[in-house]
N, C-alpha and C. Protein backbone atom coordinates (compact mmCIF):
# COMPACT_ATOMS: atom_id res chain seq x y z
N MET A 1 99.05 129.90 -17.30
CA MET A 1 98.50 128.59 -17.53
C MET A 1 98.95 127.64 -16.43
N LEU A 2 98.08 126.73 -16.04
CA LEU A 2 98.38 125.80 -14.96
C LEU A 2 99.17 124.61 -15.52
N SER A 3 100.25 124.24 -14.81
CA SER A 3 101.02 123.08 -15.26
C SER A 3 100.28 121.82 -14.88
N ALA A 4 100.66 120.72 -15.50
CA ALA A 4 99.99 119.44 -15.27
C ALA A 4 100.13 118.97 -13.84
N ARG A 5 101.17 119.37 -13.12
CA ARG A 5 101.38 118.91 -11.76
C ARG A 5 101.02 120.00 -10.75
N SER A 6 100.33 121.00 -11.16
CA SER A 6 99.96 122.12 -10.32
C SER A 6 98.92 121.70 -9.26
N PRO A 7 99.16 122.13 -7.99
CA PRO A 7 98.14 121.85 -6.96
C PRO A 7 96.79 122.49 -7.30
N SER A 8 96.85 123.68 -7.92
CA SER A 8 95.60 124.37 -8.27
C SER A 8 94.81 123.55 -9.30
N ARG A 9 95.49 122.94 -10.24
CA ARG A 9 94.84 122.12 -11.23
C ARG A 9 94.21 120.88 -10.59
N ALA A 10 94.90 120.31 -9.63
CA ALA A 10 94.37 119.14 -8.92
C ALA A 10 93.10 119.50 -8.16
N TRP A 11 93.13 120.66 -7.49
CA TRP A 11 91.92 121.10 -6.75
C TRP A 11 90.79 121.46 -7.70
N LEU A 12 91.12 121.95 -8.89
CA LEU A 12 90.12 122.25 -9.90
C LEU A 12 89.37 120.98 -10.28
N ALA A 13 90.13 119.86 -10.41
CA ALA A 13 89.51 118.57 -10.75
C ALA A 13 88.60 118.12 -9.61
N VAL A 14 89.00 118.35 -8.37
CA VAL A 14 88.16 117.98 -7.21
C VAL A 14 86.85 118.79 -7.25
N GLY A 15 86.98 120.08 -7.46
CA GLY A 15 85.79 120.96 -7.52
C GLY A 15 84.85 120.56 -8.67
N ALA A 16 85.44 120.25 -9.82
CA ALA A 16 84.61 119.84 -10.97
C ALA A 16 83.89 118.53 -10.68
N TRP A 17 84.58 117.57 -10.06
CA TRP A 17 83.94 116.28 -9.75
C TRP A 17 82.83 116.48 -8.71
N MET A 18 83.08 117.34 -7.72
CA MET A 18 82.04 117.62 -6.71
C MET A 18 80.83 118.29 -7.37
N ALA A 19 81.06 119.24 -8.27
CA ALA A 19 79.97 119.91 -8.96
C ALA A 19 79.17 118.92 -9.79
N LEU A 20 79.85 118.07 -10.50
CA LEU A 20 79.18 117.02 -11.30
C LEU A 20 78.34 116.12 -10.44
N THR A 21 78.89 115.74 -9.28
CA THR A 21 78.18 114.87 -8.34
C THR A 21 76.90 115.55 -7.84
N VAL A 22 77.00 116.83 -7.51
CA VAL A 22 75.82 117.57 -7.02
C VAL A 22 74.79 117.67 -8.14
N ILE A 23 75.22 117.98 -9.37
CA ILE A 23 74.29 118.12 -10.48
C ILE A 23 73.59 116.82 -10.77
N LEU A 24 74.35 115.74 -10.89
CA LEU A 24 73.73 114.45 -11.18
C LEU A 24 72.85 113.91 -10.06
N SER A 25 73.16 114.31 -8.82
CA SER A 25 72.35 113.85 -7.67
C SER A 25 71.00 114.55 -7.60
N THR A 26 70.86 115.65 -8.31
CA THR A 26 69.58 116.37 -8.24
C THR A 26 68.55 115.82 -9.22
N PHE A 27 68.96 114.99 -10.15
CA PHE A 27 68.01 114.43 -11.12
C PHE A 27 67.48 113.10 -10.62
N PRO A 28 66.18 112.85 -10.80
CA PRO A 28 65.64 111.53 -10.40
C PRO A 28 66.14 110.46 -11.38
N VAL A 29 66.39 109.29 -10.81
CA VAL A 29 66.92 108.19 -11.62
C VAL A 29 65.92 107.01 -11.67
N ASP A 30 64.65 107.31 -11.43
CA ASP A 30 63.67 106.23 -11.46
C ASP A 30 63.56 105.59 -12.81
N ALA A 31 63.76 106.39 -13.88
CA ALA A 31 63.64 105.86 -15.22
C ALA A 31 64.84 104.97 -15.59
N ILE A 32 65.95 105.14 -14.88
CA ILE A 32 67.15 104.35 -15.19
C ILE A 32 67.39 103.40 -14.04
N GLN A 33 66.81 102.24 -14.16
CA GLN A 33 66.96 101.21 -13.12
C GLN A 33 67.70 100.01 -13.70
N PRO A 34 69.02 99.93 -13.45
CA PRO A 34 69.76 98.79 -13.95
C PRO A 34 69.30 97.48 -13.28
N SER A 35 69.49 96.38 -13.97
CA SER A 35 69.08 95.10 -13.38
C SER A 35 70.12 94.51 -12.45
N VAL A 36 71.15 95.24 -12.15
CA VAL A 36 72.22 94.82 -11.25
C VAL A 36 71.78 95.03 -9.81
N PRO A 37 71.85 94.00 -8.96
CA PRO A 37 71.47 94.21 -7.57
C PRO A 37 72.40 95.22 -6.88
N ASP A 38 71.87 96.04 -6.09
CA ASP A 38 72.62 97.05 -5.34
C ASP A 38 73.39 98.00 -6.27
N ALA A 39 72.88 98.30 -7.43
CA ALA A 39 73.53 99.20 -8.36
C ALA A 39 73.70 100.58 -7.78
N ASP A 40 72.74 101.01 -6.99
CA ASP A 40 72.81 102.34 -6.37
C ASP A 40 74.01 102.42 -5.41
N LYS A 41 74.22 101.40 -4.62
CA LYS A 41 75.36 101.37 -3.70
C LYS A 41 76.68 101.31 -4.46
N LEU A 42 76.73 100.52 -5.54
CA LEU A 42 77.93 100.44 -6.32
C LEU A 42 78.25 101.79 -7.00
N GLY A 43 77.22 102.46 -7.45
CA GLY A 43 77.39 103.77 -8.04
C GLY A 43 77.91 104.79 -7.05
N HIS A 44 77.36 104.78 -5.83
CA HIS A 44 77.84 105.69 -4.80
C HIS A 44 79.31 105.39 -4.47
N ALA A 45 79.65 104.11 -4.35
CA ALA A 45 81.04 103.74 -4.04
C ALA A 45 81.97 104.23 -5.12
N ALA A 46 81.56 104.09 -6.37
CA ALA A 46 82.42 104.52 -7.49
C ALA A 46 82.60 106.04 -7.49
N VAL A 47 81.53 106.78 -7.34
CA VAL A 47 81.58 108.24 -7.35
C VAL A 47 82.44 108.78 -6.22
N TYR A 48 82.19 108.29 -5.02
CA TYR A 48 82.96 108.75 -3.87
C TYR A 48 84.40 108.20 -3.85
N GLY A 49 84.60 107.06 -4.47
CA GLY A 49 85.97 106.53 -4.59
C GLY A 49 86.80 107.40 -5.50
N VAL A 50 86.23 107.81 -6.63
CA VAL A 50 86.93 108.74 -7.53
C VAL A 50 87.21 110.06 -6.84
N LEU A 51 86.23 110.55 -6.09
CA LEU A 51 86.44 111.81 -5.34
C LEU A 51 87.59 111.67 -4.35
N ALA A 52 87.65 110.53 -3.67
CA ALA A 52 88.74 110.30 -2.70
C ALA A 52 90.08 110.29 -3.38
N LEU A 53 90.17 109.63 -4.55
CA LEU A 53 91.43 109.63 -5.28
C LEU A 53 91.83 111.05 -5.73
N LEU A 54 90.87 111.78 -6.23
CA LEU A 54 91.19 113.14 -6.66
C LEU A 54 91.63 114.01 -5.48
N CYS A 55 90.94 113.88 -4.33
CA CYS A 55 91.30 114.67 -3.15
C CYS A 55 92.68 114.29 -2.62
N ALA A 56 92.97 113.00 -2.59
CA ALA A 56 94.28 112.54 -2.11
C ALA A 56 95.39 113.06 -3.01
N ARG A 57 95.16 113.05 -4.31
CA ARG A 57 96.16 113.57 -5.25
C ARG A 57 96.34 115.06 -5.06
N ALA A 58 95.25 115.79 -4.82
CA ALA A 58 95.38 117.24 -4.62
C ALA A 58 96.10 117.58 -3.33
N TRP A 59 95.79 116.89 -2.26
CA TRP A 59 96.48 117.11 -0.98
C TRP A 59 97.96 116.77 -1.12
N HIS A 60 98.26 115.70 -1.81
CA HIS A 60 99.68 115.25 -2.00
C HIS A 60 100.44 116.31 -2.81
N ARG A 61 99.85 116.81 -3.86
CA ARG A 61 100.49 117.86 -4.67
C ARG A 61 100.61 119.17 -3.89
N HIS A 62 99.75 119.34 -2.90
CA HIS A 62 99.81 120.55 -2.08
C HIS A 62 100.90 120.45 -1.05
N GLY A 63 101.53 119.26 -0.91
CA GLY A 63 102.66 119.15 0.01
C GLY A 63 102.44 118.19 1.16
N SER A 64 101.31 117.58 1.26
CA SER A 64 101.07 116.66 2.36
C SER A 64 101.77 115.32 2.07
N SER A 65 102.11 114.62 3.13
CA SER A 65 102.68 113.29 2.94
C SER A 65 101.57 112.38 2.40
N GLN A 66 101.96 111.22 1.92
CA GLN A 66 100.94 110.31 1.33
C GLN A 66 99.92 109.90 2.37
N ALA A 67 100.37 109.54 3.57
CA ALA A 67 99.45 109.17 4.64
C ALA A 67 98.49 110.29 5.02
N ALA A 68 99.07 111.50 5.19
CA ALA A 68 98.22 112.67 5.54
C ALA A 68 97.23 112.99 4.42
N ALA A 69 97.68 112.86 3.17
CA ALA A 69 96.79 113.13 2.04
C ALA A 69 95.62 112.18 2.02
N ILE A 70 95.89 110.90 2.31
CA ILE A 70 94.81 109.91 2.34
C ILE A 70 93.83 110.20 3.49
N GLU A 71 94.36 110.53 4.65
CA GLU A 71 93.50 110.83 5.80
C GLU A 71 92.63 112.06 5.52
N ARG A 72 93.24 113.11 4.96
CA ARG A 72 92.48 114.33 4.66
C ARG A 72 91.44 114.06 3.59
N ALA A 73 91.81 113.27 2.59
CA ALA A 73 90.89 112.97 1.51
C ALA A 73 89.69 112.21 2.05
N MET A 74 89.91 111.25 2.90
CA MET A 74 88.81 110.46 3.47
C MET A 74 87.91 111.36 4.30
N ALA A 75 88.49 112.26 5.09
CA ALA A 75 87.70 113.18 5.92
C ALA A 75 86.84 114.07 5.04
N LEU A 76 87.44 114.62 3.98
CA LEU A 76 86.71 115.51 3.09
C LEU A 76 85.59 114.80 2.38
N VAL A 77 85.85 113.56 1.90
CA VAL A 77 84.82 112.78 1.21
C VAL A 77 83.70 112.39 2.16
N LEU A 78 84.03 112.03 3.40
CA LEU A 78 82.99 111.69 4.37
C LEU A 78 82.09 112.88 4.67
N VAL A 79 82.67 114.07 4.81
CA VAL A 79 81.89 115.26 5.08
C VAL A 79 81.00 115.60 3.88
N PHE A 80 81.58 115.55 2.69
CA PHE A 80 80.84 115.82 1.47
C PHE A 80 79.70 114.82 1.27
N GLY A 81 79.98 113.56 1.51
CA GLY A 81 78.94 112.54 1.39
C GLY A 81 77.80 112.75 2.40
N ALA A 82 78.17 113.10 3.63
CA ALA A 82 77.16 113.37 4.67
C ALA A 82 76.30 114.56 4.27
N LEU A 83 76.90 115.58 3.74
CA LEU A 83 76.14 116.79 3.32
C LEU A 83 75.25 116.50 2.12
N MET A 84 75.69 115.60 1.25
CA MET A 84 74.88 115.26 0.08
C MET A 84 73.66 114.43 0.47
N GLU A 85 73.76 113.64 1.50
CA GLU A 85 72.63 112.79 1.95
C GLU A 85 71.69 113.65 2.76
């Protein structure tokens, strides 16, 4: 069983969030149009922000320094976001 502070468990959360992002991105959202201006941009920022936090936590648990974990997380999220678009 994976412990709560396990690097594998942290990466599992990253993979699950990425899979959820891919699944939700494949459905059209024309029927769900909130009245908030720029809701799409806010949604993207929230989804990729959570992914960045999960990635940074996983890298940090894997042994990277905090600064390196943040840099690696940002790089991974940028690549993932570019591939999703």
